[in-house]
Amino acid sequence: MKETKLKSILTEILNTFQVTAILKIDRKAAITNVLDEIRAIKKITIVRNITPEEGISSPGEIQTHIVTIKFITRGDAQKDLIQFKSDMLTSDFGGSVNDMKVEGLKFIEFKSKTLRRI
């Protein structure tokens, strides 16, 4: 039993990745709520905002934030990024573009060059 638990822990450690992403969110949305909803997505473990709370200055109704996302995978990390983007920007109910799964999130871009195993 202990050996199985140890193997599980080691597998998790060896399959943990980190990537930097750019988020564009509705200015009316609280960044903390957006980050909490991203954390709720399967496989994602940690989301950290590395920009100030008010975001990077951008015109109009959109705020830009840079975040780091840590996640666990047993497969292809690049494919997981594609799935994460789909999960974040698509409603479970097949609603319109304005009915996104992560409320307030308008756009996400993963910086693939920053993807690394940690």
N, C-alpha and C. Protein backbone atom coordinates (compact mmCIF):
# COMPACT_ATOMS: atom_id res chain seq x y z
N MET A 1 0.83 -1.20 0.00
CA MET A 1 0.00 0.00 0.00
C MET A 1 0.87 1.27 0.00
N LYS A 2 1.89 1.30 0.86
CA LYS A 2 2.77 2.47 0.93
C LYS A 2 3.51 2.67 -0.38
N GLU A 3 3.90 1.57 -1.01
CA GLU A 3 4.62 1.64 -2.27
C GLU A 3 3.74 2.27 -3.36
N THR A 4 2.47 1.89 -3.39
CA THR A 4 1.52 2.44 -4.36
C THR A 4 1.33 3.93 -4.13
N LYS A 5 1.22 4.36 -2.89
CA LYS A 5 1.05 5.77 -2.57
C LYS A 5 2.29 6.56 -2.98
N LEU A 6 3.47 6.02 -2.68
CA LEU A 6 4.72 6.68 -3.05
C LEU A 6 4.82 6.80 -4.57
N LYS A 7 4.48 5.76 -5.29
CA LYS A 7 4.52 5.78 -6.75
C LYS A 7 3.57 6.85 -7.29
N SER A 8 2.40 6.96 -6.68
CA SER A 8 1.42 7.97 -7.10
C SER A 8 1.96 9.38 -6.89
N ILE A 9 2.60 9.61 -5.75
CA ILE A 9 3.17 10.93 -5.45
C ILE A 9 4.29 11.25 -6.43
N LEU A 10 5.17 10.30 -6.68
CA LEU A 10 6.28 10.53 -7.61
C LEU A 10 5.78 10.80 -9.03
N THR A 11 4.76 10.07 -9.45
CA THR A 11 4.19 10.29 -10.78
C THR A 11 3.64 11.71 -10.89
N GLU A 12 2.96 12.16 -9.85
CA GLU A 12 2.40 13.51 -9.85
C GLU A 12 3.51 14.55 -9.93
N ILE A 13 4.58 14.36 -9.17
CA ILE A 13 5.69 15.31 -9.18
C ILE A 13 6.35 15.35 -10.55
N LEU A 14 6.54 14.22 -11.15
CA LEU A 14 7.24 14.15 -12.44
C LEU A 14 6.39 14.65 -13.60
N ASN A 15 5.10 14.77 -13.41
CA ASN A 15 4.21 15.19 -14.48
C ASN A 15 3.56 16.55 -14.21
N THR A 16 4.25 17.39 -13.46
CA THR A 16 3.76 18.73 -13.17
C THR A 16 4.43 19.72 -14.12
N PHE A 17 3.61 20.55 -14.75
CA PHE A 17 4.11 21.53 -15.71
C PHE A 17 3.67 22.92 -15.30
N GLN A 18 4.37 23.91 -15.84
CA GLN A 18 4.01 25.32 -15.62
C GLN A 18 4.06 26.04 -16.96
N VAL A 19 3.14 26.98 -17.14
CA VAL A 19 3.10 27.78 -18.35
C VAL A 19 2.64 29.20 -17.99
N THR A 20 3.11 30.16 -18.75
CA THR A 20 2.66 31.54 -18.60
C THR A 20 1.54 31.79 -19.60
N ALA A 21 0.54 32.56 -19.17
CA ALA A 21 -0.58 32.87 -20.06
C ALA A 21 -0.96 34.34 -19.93
N ILE A 22 -1.52 34.86 -21.01
CA ILE A 22 -2.07 36.22 -21.01
C ILE A 22 -3.59 36.09 -21.00
N LEU A 23 -4.20 36.73 -20.02
CA LEU A 23 -5.67 36.74 -19.91
C LEU A 23 -6.19 38.12 -20.23
N LYS A 24 -7.28 38.17 -20.94
CA LYS A 24 -8.00 39.42 -21.13
C LYS A 24 -9.37 39.18 -20.51
N ILE A 25 -9.67 40.02 -19.51
CA ILE A 25 -10.93 39.84 -18.80
C ILE A 25 -11.75 41.12 -18.84
N ASP A 26 -13.04 40.95 -18.65
CA ASP A 26 -13.97 42.07 -18.56
C ASP A 26 -13.56 42.93 -17.37
N ARG A 27 -13.50 44.22 -17.58
CA ARG A 27 -13.09 45.14 -16.51
C ARG A 27 -14.02 45.04 -15.29
N LYS A 28 -15.25 44.62 -15.50
CA LYS A 28 -16.22 44.49 -14.40
C LYS A 28 -15.98 43.22 -13.58
N ALA A 29 -15.24 42.27 -14.12
CA ALA A 29 -14.98 41.00 -13.43
C ALA A 29 -13.80 41.17 -12.46
N ALA A 30 -13.91 40.52 -11.32
CA ALA A 30 -12.80 40.54 -10.35
C ALA A 30 -11.79 39.47 -10.75
N ILE A 31 -10.52 39.85 -10.84
CA ILE A 31 -9.48 38.90 -11.24
C ILE A 31 -9.44 37.71 -10.30
N THR A 32 -9.67 37.92 -9.01
CA THR A 32 -9.64 36.80 -8.07
C THR A 32 -10.71 35.77 -8.40
N ASN A 33 -11.89 36.21 -8.82
CA ASN A 33 -12.95 35.27 -9.21
C ASN A 33 -12.58 34.51 -10.47
N VAL A 34 -11.99 35.20 -11.43
CA VAL A 34 -11.57 34.55 -12.67
C VAL A 34 -10.52 33.48 -12.37
N LEU A 35 -9.54 33.82 -11.54
CA LEU A 35 -8.48 32.86 -11.20
C LEU A 35 -9.05 31.66 -10.44
N ASP A 36 -10.00 31.91 -9.55
CA ASP A 36 -10.64 30.80 -8.82
C ASP A 36 -11.35 29.85 -9.77
N GLU A 37 -12.04 30.40 -10.77
CA GLU A 37 -12.75 29.55 -11.73
C GLU A 37 -11.77 28.77 -12.61
N ILE A 38 -10.64 29.37 -12.94
CA ILE A 38 -9.62 28.64 -13.71
C ILE A 38 -9.06 27.50 -12.87
N ARG A 39 -8.82 27.76 -11.58
CA ARG A 39 -8.31 26.71 -10.68
C ARG A 39 -9.26 25.52 -10.60
N ALA A 40 -10.53 25.73 -10.83
CA ALA A 40 -11.52 24.66 -10.73
C ALA A 40 -11.48 23.70 -11.93
N ILE A 41 -10.75 24.06 -12.97
CA ILE A 41 -10.67 23.21 -14.16
C ILE A 41 -9.80 21.99 -13.87
N LYS A 42 -10.27 20.86 -14.32
CA LYS A 42 -9.58 19.58 -14.09
C LYS A 42 -8.12 19.66 -14.53
N LYS A 43 -7.23 19.16 -13.70
CA LYS A 43 -5.78 19.08 -13.87
C LYS A 43 -5.04 20.34 -13.44
N ILE A 44 -5.70 21.50 -13.39
CA ILE A 44 -5.03 22.73 -13.00
C ILE A 44 -4.94 22.77 -11.48
N THR A 45 -3.73 23.04 -10.97
CA THR A 45 -3.53 23.03 -9.52
C THR A 45 -3.29 24.42 -8.95
N ILE A 46 -2.53 25.26 -9.64
CA ILE A 46 -2.19 26.59 -9.12
C ILE A 46 -2.28 27.61 -10.24
N VAL A 47 -2.89 28.76 -9.93
CA VAL A 47 -2.92 29.89 -10.87
C VAL A 47 -2.47 31.11 -10.08
N ARG A 48 -1.44 31.78 -10.59
CA ARG A 48 -0.89 32.93 -9.88
C ARG A 48 -0.82 34.14 -10.80
N ASN A 49 -1.41 35.24 -10.35
CA ASN A 49 -1.39 36.49 -11.09
C ASN A 49 -0.03 37.15 -10.86
N ILE A 50 0.69 37.45 -11.93
CA ILE A 50 1.99 38.09 -11.76
C ILE A 50 1.97 39.55 -12.20
N THR A 51 0.77 40.07 -12.45
CA THR A 51 0.61 41.50 -12.74
C THR A 51 -0.10 42.14 -11.54
N PRO A 52 -0.06 43.45 -11.44
CA PRO A 52 -0.80 44.10 -10.36
C PRO A 52 -2.30 43.77 -10.44
N GLU A 53 -2.98 43.87 -9.32
CA GLU A 53 -4.41 43.54 -9.21
C GLU A 53 -5.24 44.22 -10.30
N GLU A 54 -4.91 45.48 -10.63
CA GLU A 54 -5.69 46.22 -11.62
C GLU A 54 -5.33 45.85 -13.06
N GLY A 55 -4.32 45.03 -13.24
CA GLY A 55 -3.95 44.56 -14.57
C GLY A 55 -3.08 45.54 -15.32
N ILE A 56 -2.74 45.15 -16.53
CA ILE A 56 -1.96 46.00 -17.42
C ILE A 56 -2.93 46.95 -18.11
N SER A 57 -2.55 48.20 -18.18
CA SER A 57 -3.43 49.21 -18.76
C SER A 57 -3.78 48.88 -20.20
N SER A 58 -5.06 48.84 -20.46
CA SER A 58 -5.54 48.63 -21.83
C SER A 58 -6.83 49.41 -22.00
N PRO A 59 -7.07 49.89 -23.21
CA PRO A 59 -8.25 50.73 -23.44
C PRO A 59 -9.55 49.94 -23.37
N GLY A 60 -10.63 50.65 -23.07
CA GLY A 60 -11.95 50.04 -23.12
C GLY A 60 -12.31 49.22 -21.91
N GLU A 61 -13.11 48.20 -22.16
CA GLU A 61 -13.70 47.40 -21.09
C GLU A 61 -12.89 46.16 -20.74
N ILE A 62 -11.67 46.07 -21.24
CA ILE A 62 -10.86 44.85 -21.06
C ILE A 62 -9.63 45.15 -20.21
N GLN A 63 -9.32 44.25 -19.26
CA GLN A 63 -8.08 44.29 -18.49
C GLN A 63 -7.20 43.15 -18.96
N THR A 64 -5.89 43.37 -18.99
CA THR A 64 -4.95 42.32 -19.37
C THR A 64 -4.16 41.90 -18.14
N HIS A 65 -4.04 40.59 -17.93
CA HIS A 65 -3.28 40.05 -16.81
C HIS A 65 -2.34 38.96 -17.32
N ILE A 66 -1.19 38.87 -16.71
CA ILE A 66 -0.26 37.78 -17.00
C ILE A 66 -0.27 36.86 -15.79
N VAL A 67 -0.45 35.57 -16.04
CA VAL A 67 -0.55 34.59 -14.97
C VAL A 67 0.37 33.40 -15.25
N THR A 68 0.72 32.69 -14.19
CA THR A 68 1.38 31.40 -14.36
C THR A 68 0.38 30.34 -13.91
N ILE A 69 0.35 29.26 -14.66
CA ILE A 69 -0.57 28.16 -14.38
C ILE A 69 0.25 26.89 -14.24
N LYS A 70 0.03 26.19 -13.11
CA LYS A 70 0.66 24.89 -12.91
C LYS A 70 -0.41 23.83 -13.06
N PHE A 71 -0.05 22.73 -13.71
CA PHE A 71 -1.01 21.66 -13.92
C PHE A 71 -0.32 20.31 -13.97
N ILE A 72 -1.11 19.28 -13.77
CA ILE A 72 -0.61 17.91 -13.78
C ILE A 72 -1.19 17.21 -14.99
N THR A 73 -0.33 16.44 -15.67
CA THR A 73 -0.80 15.70 -16.82
C THR A 73 -0.14 14.33 -16.87
N ARG A 74 -0.84 13.40 -17.44
CA ARG A 74 -0.26 12.09 -17.71
C ARG A 74 -0.08 11.90 -19.22
N GLY A 75 -0.43 12.94 -19.97
CA GLY A 75 -0.35 12.86 -21.42
C GLY A 75 0.52 13.96 -21.98
N ASP A 76 0.13 14.48 -23.11
CA ASP A 76 0.85 15.54 -23.83
C ASP A 76 0.45 16.90 -23.26
N ALA A 77 1.40 17.60 -22.69
CA ALA A 77 1.12 18.90 -22.06
C ALA A 77 0.59 19.91 -23.07
N GLN A 78 1.08 19.90 -24.30
CA GLN A 78 0.59 20.82 -25.34
C GLN A 78 -0.89 20.59 -25.62
N LYS A 79 -1.29 19.32 -25.69
CA LYS A 79 -2.70 19.01 -25.93
C LYS A 79 -3.56 19.46 -24.77
N ASP A 80 -3.01 19.37 -23.55
CA ASP A 80 -3.75 19.84 -22.38
C ASP A 80 -4.01 21.34 -22.46
N LEU A 81 -3.04 22.10 -22.97
CA LEU A 81 -3.24 23.55 -23.11
C LEU A 81 -4.41 23.86 -24.04
N ILE A 82 -4.50 23.11 -25.13
CA ILE A 82 -5.62 23.29 -26.07
C ILE A 82 -6.94 22.98 -25.37
N GLN A 83 -6.95 21.90 -24.59
CA GLN A 83 -8.17 21.53 -23.86
C GLN A 83 -8.52 22.56 -22.80
N PHE A 84 -7.51 23.08 -22.09
CA PHE A 84 -7.76 24.11 -21.07
C PHE A 84 -8.42 25.33 -21.70
N LYS A 85 -7.90 25.76 -22.84
CA LYS A 85 -8.45 26.94 -23.51
C LYS A 85 -9.91 26.69 -23.88
N SER A 86 -10.18 25.52 -24.42
CA SER A 86 -11.55 25.16 -24.77
C SER A 86 -12.44 25.14 -23.53
N ASP A 87 -11.94 24.53 -22.46
CA ASP A 87 -12.71 24.45 -21.21
C ASP A 87 -13.00 25.83 -20.63
N MET A 88 -12.04 26.73 -20.74
CA MET A 88 -12.21 28.06 -20.15
C MET A 88 -13.16 28.94 -20.96
N LEU A 89 -13.15 28.77 -22.27
CA LEU A 89 -13.90 29.69 -23.13
C LEU A 89 -15.21 29.14 -23.66
N THR A 90 -15.56 27.92 -23.28
CA THR A 90 -16.78 27.30 -23.80
C THR A 90 -17.70 26.92 -22.65
N SER A 91 -18.93 27.35 -22.74
CA SER A 91 -19.91 27.01 -21.71
C SER A 91 -20.26 25.53 -21.78
N ASP A 92 -20.53 24.94 -20.63
CA ASP A 92 -20.99 23.54 -20.58
C ASP A 92 -22.37 23.39 -21.20
N PHE A 93 -23.09 24.50 -21.32
CA PHE A 93 -24.47 24.45 -21.79
C PHE A 93 -24.61 24.82 -23.26
N GLY A 94 -23.48 24.97 -23.96
CA GLY A 94 -23.52 25.27 -25.39
C GLY A 94 -24.10 26.64 -25.69
N GLY A 95 -23.89 27.56 -24.78
CA GLY A 95 -24.44 28.91 -24.94
C GLY A 95 -23.66 29.73 -25.94
N SER A 96 -23.92 31.00 -25.96
CA SER A 96 -23.27 31.91 -26.89
C SER A 96 -21.86 32.25 -26.42
N VAL A 97 -21.15 33.01 -27.21
CA VAL A 97 -19.81 33.44 -26.87
C VAL A 97 -19.82 34.25 -25.58
N ASN A 98 -20.91 34.94 -25.30
CA ASN A 98 -21.01 35.75 -24.09
C ASN A 98 -21.30 34.91 -22.85
N ASP A 99 -21.56 33.62 -23.02
CA ASP A 99 -21.87 32.73 -21.91
C ASP A 99 -20.69 31.77 -21.69
N MET A 100 -19.58 32.32 -21.24
CA MET A 100 -18.36 31.53 -21.11
C MET A 100 -18.31 30.77 -19.81
N LYS A 101 -17.56 29.69 -19.80
CA LYS A 101 -17.45 28.86 -18.61
C LYS A 101 -16.77 29.64 -17.48
N VAL A 102 -15.68 30.34 -17.79
CA VAL A 102 -15.02 31.18 -16.80
C VAL A 102 -15.57 32.59 -17.00
N GLU A 103 -16.47 32.96 -16.13
CA GLU A 103 -17.17 34.23 -16.27
C GLU A 103 -16.20 35.41 -16.23
N GLY A 104 -16.31 36.27 -17.22
CA GLY A 104 -15.46 37.45 -17.31
C GLY A 104 -14.22 37.25 -18.18
N LEU A 105 -13.85 36.01 -18.45
CA LEU A 105 -12.68 35.75 -19.29
C LEU A 105 -13.07 35.89 -20.76
N LYS A 106 -12.39 36.79 -21.46
CA LYS A 106 -12.70 37.05 -22.86
C LYS A 106 -11.70 36.40 -23.82
N PHE A 107 -10.47 36.19 -23.33
CA PHE A 107 -9.40 35.69 -24.20
C PHE A 107 -8.31 35.11 -23.33
N ILE A 108 -7.68 34.03 -23.80
CA ILE A 108 -6.49 33.49 -23.13
C ILE A 108 -5.51 33.04 -24.20
N GLU A 109 -4.24 33.37 -23.97
CA GLU A 109 -3.18 32.92 -24.86
C GLU A 109 -2.08 32.31 -24.01
N PHE A 110 -1.80 31.03 -24.24
CA PHE A 110 -0.71 30.37 -23.55
C PHE A 110 0.58 30.66 -24.30
N LYS A 111 1.61 31.02 -23.58
CA LYS A 111 2.93 31.26 -24.17
C LYS A 111 3.65 29.91 -24.21
N SER A 112 3.53 29.20 -25.32
CA SER A 112 4.04 27.84 -25.45
C SER A 112 5.53 27.73 -25.14
N LYS A 113 6.28 28.78 -25.43
CA LYS A 113 7.72 28.73 -25.16
C LYS A 113 8.04 28.71 -23.66
N THR A 114 7.06 29.07 -22.83
CA THR A 114 7.28 29.07 -21.39
C THR A 114 6.87 27.75 -20.74
N LEU A 115 6.29 26.85 -21.52
CA LEU A 115 5.86 25.55 -20.98
C LEU A 115 7.08 24.76 -20.55
N ARG A 116 7.05 24.32 -19.30
CA ARG A 116 8.18 23.53 -18.81
C ARG A 116 7.73 22.59 -17.70
N ARG A 117 8.43 21.49 -17.60
CA ARG A 117 8.19 20.53 -16.52
C ARG A 117 8.86 21.10 -15.27
N ILE A 118 8.15 21.02 -14.15
CA ILE A 118 8.75 21.53 -12.91
C ILE A 118 8.89 20.42 -11.89
